[in-house]
Amino acid sequence: MFGKNVGNLDRILRIVLGLALLAGFFLNPDAQYRWLYLIGVVPLVTGLLSTCPLYKIFGFSTCPLDKR
């Protein structure tokens, strides 16, 4: 479907950030704007799939190039 355009370091950071934000959602049940933590789904999914639609739109990639 989408080509990979997220490198390993970028991918790990996205997954960690996504999990941290989702953890904040569950650990702060009384927060006024608790629903904002759900934005963590975006970096989590893009990290797990190794693709970012915004990178594709802007022609950006953090994947190393295959030099053959």
Protein backbone atom coordinates (compact mmCIF):
# COMPACT_ATOMS: atom_id res chain seq x y z
CA MET A 1 0.00 0.00 0.00
CA PHE A 2 2.49 2.66 1.17
CA GLY A 3 6.24 2.44 0.77
CA LYS A 4 8.39 2.65 3.87
CA ASN A 5 9.61 6.17 4.52
CA VAL A 6 10.29 6.04 8.27
CA GLY A 7 13.77 4.99 9.41
CA ASN A 8 14.59 2.85 12.45
CA LEU A 9 15.37 5.65 14.92
CA ASP A 10 12.34 7.66 13.77
CA ARG A 11 10.19 4.54 14.07
CA ILE A 12 11.34 3.77 17.62
CA LEU A 13 10.76 7.37 18.73
CA ARG A 14 7.26 7.37 17.22
CA ILE A 15 6.32 4.12 18.98
CA VAL A 16 7.67 5.30 22.34
CA LEU A 17 5.92 8.68 22.03
CA GLY A 18 2.65 7.04 20.99
CA LEU A 19 2.73 4.59 23.88
CA ALA A 20 3.61 7.36 26.35
CA LEU A 21 0.69 9.51 25.22
CA LEU A 22 -1.73 6.58 25.37
CA ALA A 23 -0.42 5.71 28.84
CA GLY A 24 -1.16 9.29 29.85
CA PHE A 25 -4.74 8.80 28.71
CA PHE A 26 -5.21 5.82 31.01
CA LEU A 27 -3.15 7.15 33.93
CA ASN A 28 -4.85 10.57 34.14
CA PRO A 29 -8.56 9.77 34.35
CA ASP A 30 -9.39 13.13 35.95
CA ALA A 31 -7.56 15.35 33.45
CA GLN A 32 -9.74 18.02 31.88
CA TYR A 33 -8.45 17.54 28.33
CA ARG A 34 -7.78 13.81 28.68
CA TRP A 35 -8.97 13.08 25.14
CA LEU A 36 -5.94 14.96 23.74
CA TYR A 37 -3.76 12.03 24.80
CA LEU A 38 -5.49 9.97 22.12
CA ILE A 39 -3.41 11.82 19.52
CA GLY A 40 -0.80 9.21 20.51
CA VAL A 41 -2.55 6.78 18.17
CA VAL A 42 -1.11 8.65 15.17
CA PRO A 43 2.62 8.29 15.98
CA LEU A 44 2.03 4.75 17.23
CA VAL A 45 0.38 3.61 13.99
CA THR A 46 2.87 5.42 11.74
CA GLY A 47 5.72 3.88 13.72
CA LEU A 48 4.29 0.38 13.56
CA LEU A 49 3.60 0.63 9.82
CA SER A 50 6.93 2.40 9.05
CA THR A 51 5.15 4.88 6.86
CA CYS A 52 4.06 8.47 7.32
CA PRO A 53 1.53 10.06 4.95
CA LEU A 54 2.92 13.57 5.61
CA TYR A 55 6.42 12.40 4.71
CA LYS A 56 4.97 11.04 1.46
CA ILE A 57 3.20 14.31 0.64
CA PHE A 58 6.33 16.40 1.23
CA GLY A 59 8.69 13.87 -0.37
CA PHE A 60 10.65 13.33 2.83
CA SER A 61 12.12 10.03 4.04
CA THR A 62 14.25 8.97 7.00
CA CYS A 63 14.89 5.49 5.60
CA PRO A 64 18.44 4.75 4.53
CA LEU A 65 18.82 4.42 0.78
CA ASP A 66 19.69 1.06 -0.76
CA LYS A 67 22.96 1.71 -2.62
CA ARG A 68 23.24 -0.97 -5.31
